[in-house]
């Protein structure tokens, strides 16, 4: 998650600022599903629980009513891409591809201590 320092204080920048505008059906004029308030609340909660070992993700609204997070790493990092799709509601899916083209994924629901541990393990494994 991006942060700024102002007079020694750290402020967190919300990567989903203004995403409430995607709550309307057809927000992209191509038939996009709305991103619900529940999905946004959960996405912000999950983002707050993410380790920062891979840096801040790029975030984008998705036409299926979800929030998409993406990390694209530069070589020589072993990780090529990591995707974290959040929603609808409290569902999340992480999928990644390594530079050797190995692919894996994890599915989850909600945020609890086990979720945080699982995400820390995934991020640690992918950052080594």
Protein backbone atom coordinates (compact mmCIF):
# COMPACT_ATOMS: atom_id res chain seq x y z
CA UNK A 1 0.00 0.00 0.00
CA UNK A 2 1.33 3.41 -0.93
CA UNK A 3 2.18 5.77 1.89
CA UNK A 4 3.36 9.35 2.09
CA UNK A 5 5.30 11.00 4.88
CA UNK A 6 4.07 14.39 5.99
CA UNK A 7 6.09 16.06 8.74
CA UNK A 8 7.23 12.66 10.00
CA UNK A 9 3.70 11.21 10.08
CA UNK A 10 2.80 8.38 7.75
CA UNK A 11 -0.51 8.59 5.90
CA UNK A 12 -1.99 5.69 3.99
CA UNK A 13 -3.23 6.30 0.46
CA UNK A 14 -6.39 4.36 -0.37
CA UNK A 15 -5.80 2.56 -3.69
CA UNK A 16 -9.60 2.30 -4.00
CA UNK A 17 -10.31 6.01 -3.52
CA UNK A 18 -13.39 7.01 -5.53
CA UNK A 19 -14.31 3.37 -6.32
CA UNK A 20 -17.82 4.08 -5.02
CA UNK A 21 -18.47 5.49 -8.50
CA UNK A 22 -18.46 1.90 -9.80
CA UNK A 23 -21.57 1.03 -7.76
CA UNK A 24 -23.87 1.73 -10.71
CA UNK A 25 -24.73 -0.96 -13.24
CA UNK A 26 -23.08 -0.51 -16.65
CA UNK A 27 -20.46 1.91 -15.23
CA UNK A 28 -18.20 1.17 -18.21
CA UNK A 29 -21.03 1.43 -20.83
CA UNK A 30 -20.24 -2.19 -21.81
CA UNK A 31 -22.56 -3.87 -19.31
CA UNK A 32 -20.27 -3.95 -16.25
CA UNK A 33 -21.70 -5.28 -13.02
CA UNK A 34 -21.74 -2.82 -10.11
CA UNK A 35 -19.07 -3.12 -7.43
CA UNK A 36 -21.08 -3.36 -4.22
CA UNK A 37 -20.40 -1.45 -1.02
CA UNK A 38 -19.85 -4.84 0.66
CA UNK A 39 -17.16 -5.75 -1.89
CA UNK A 40 -15.43 -2.38 -1.43
CA UNK A 41 -15.50 -2.65 2.39
CA UNK A 42 -14.04 -6.13 2.18
CA UNK A 43 -11.44 -5.12 -0.44
CA UNK A 44 -10.19 -2.31 1.82
CA UNK A 45 -10.04 -4.71 4.77
CA UNK A 46 -8.12 -7.30 2.75
CA UNK A 47 -5.73 -4.71 1.31
CA UNK A 48 -4.96 -3.53 4.86
CA UNK A 49 -4.05 -7.13 5.76
CA UNK A 50 -1.67 -7.62 2.82
CA UNK A 51 2.06 -7.84 3.48
CA UNK A 52 4.10 -5.12 1.78
CA UNK A 53 6.92 -7.44 0.69
CA UNK A 54 6.02 -7.07 -3.00
CA UNK A 55 5.22 -3.37 -2.87
CA UNK A 56 1.94 -1.69 -3.68
CA UNK A 57 -0.32 -3.30 -6.26
CA UNK A 58 -1.97 -1.68 -9.23
CA UNK A 59 -5.74 -1.67 -8.66
CA UNK A 60 -8.53 -1.70 -11.23
CA UNK A 61 -12.29 -2.12 -11.19
CA UNK A 62 -13.43 -5.23 -13.05
CA UNK A 63 -16.53 -5.60 -15.19
CA UNK A 64 -17.75 -8.60 -13.19
CA UNK A 65 -18.25 -6.48 -10.04
CA UNK A 66 -14.90 -7.33 -8.48
CA UNK A 67 -11.75 -5.39 -7.63
CA UNK A 68 -8.55 -6.54 -9.32
CA UNK A 69 -5.11 -6.08 -7.78
CA UNK A 70 -1.97 -6.81 -9.78
CA UNK A 71 1.74 -6.97 -9.09
CA UNK A 72 4.07 -7.22 -12.10
CA UNK A 73 7.67 -7.78 -11.11
CA UNK A 74 10.81 -6.86 -13.01
CA UNK A 75 13.44 -9.47 -13.83
CA UNK A 76 15.41 -11.10 -12.22
CA UNK A 77 12.62 -11.59 -9.65
CA UNK A 78 11.28 -15.18 -9.81
CA UNK A 79 7.69 -13.88 -9.72
CA UNK A 80 6.35 -12.66 -13.04
CA UNK A 81 2.79 -11.66 -12.06
CA UNK A 82 0.48 -11.92 -9.06
CA UNK A 83 -3.24 -11.23 -9.32
CA UNK A 84 -5.65 -10.85 -6.42
CA UNK A 85 -9.31 -10.63 -7.39
CA UNK A 86 -11.64 -9.47 -4.62
CA UNK A 87 -15.39 -9.99 -4.65
CA UNK A 88 -18.16 -10.34 -5.02
CA UNK A 89 -18.67 -9.82 -1.33
CA UNK A 90 -15.97 -11.42 0.81
CA UNK A 91 -14.57 -13.84 -1.77
CA UNK A 92 -10.97 -13.54 -2.97
CA UNK A 93 -8.76 -15.38 -5.41
CA UNK A 94 -4.99 -15.13 -5.71
CA UNK A 95 -3.21 -16.49 -8.77
CA UNK A 96 0.37 -16.11 -9.86
CA UNK A 97 2.85 -17.07 -12.52
CA UNK A 98 6.57 -17.45 -11.99
CA UNK A 99 9.13 -16.65 -14.68
CA UNK A 100 9.58 -20.40 -15.28
CA UNK A 101 5.84 -20.42 -16.22
CA UNK A 102 4.82 -22.30 -13.08
CA UNK A 103 1.27 -21.27 -12.16
CA UNK A 104 -0.68 -21.62 -8.91
CA UNK A 105 -3.72 -20.18 -7.15
CA UNK A 106 -5.48 -19.97 -3.81
CA UNK A 107 -9.15 -19.26 -3.11
CA UNK A 108 -10.49 -17.75 0.09
CA UNK A 109 -13.43 -16.16 1.85
CA UNK A 110 -13.22 -13.46 4.52
CA UNK A 111 -10.27 -12.15 6.50
CA UNK A 112 -9.22 -13.90 9.69
CA UNK A 113 -5.91 -14.77 11.31
CA UNK A 114 -5.56 -17.79 8.98
CA UNK A 115 -6.11 -15.53 5.95
CA UNK A 116 -3.38 -13.17 7.09
CA UNK A 117 -0.99 -16.08 7.69
CA UNK A 118 -1.79 -17.61 4.29
CA UNK A 119 -1.21 -14.29 2.52
CA UNK A 120 2.05 -13.72 4.42
CA UNK A 121 3.22 -17.20 3.38
CA UNK A 122 2.29 -16.64 -0.26
CA UNK A 123 4.00 -13.25 -0.37
CA UNK A 124 7.09 -14.57 1.45
CA UNK A 125 7.36 -17.55 -0.92
CA UNK A 126 6.92 -15.34 -3.97
CA UNK A 127 9.39 -12.69 -2.79
CA UNK A 128 12.29 -15.06 -2.08
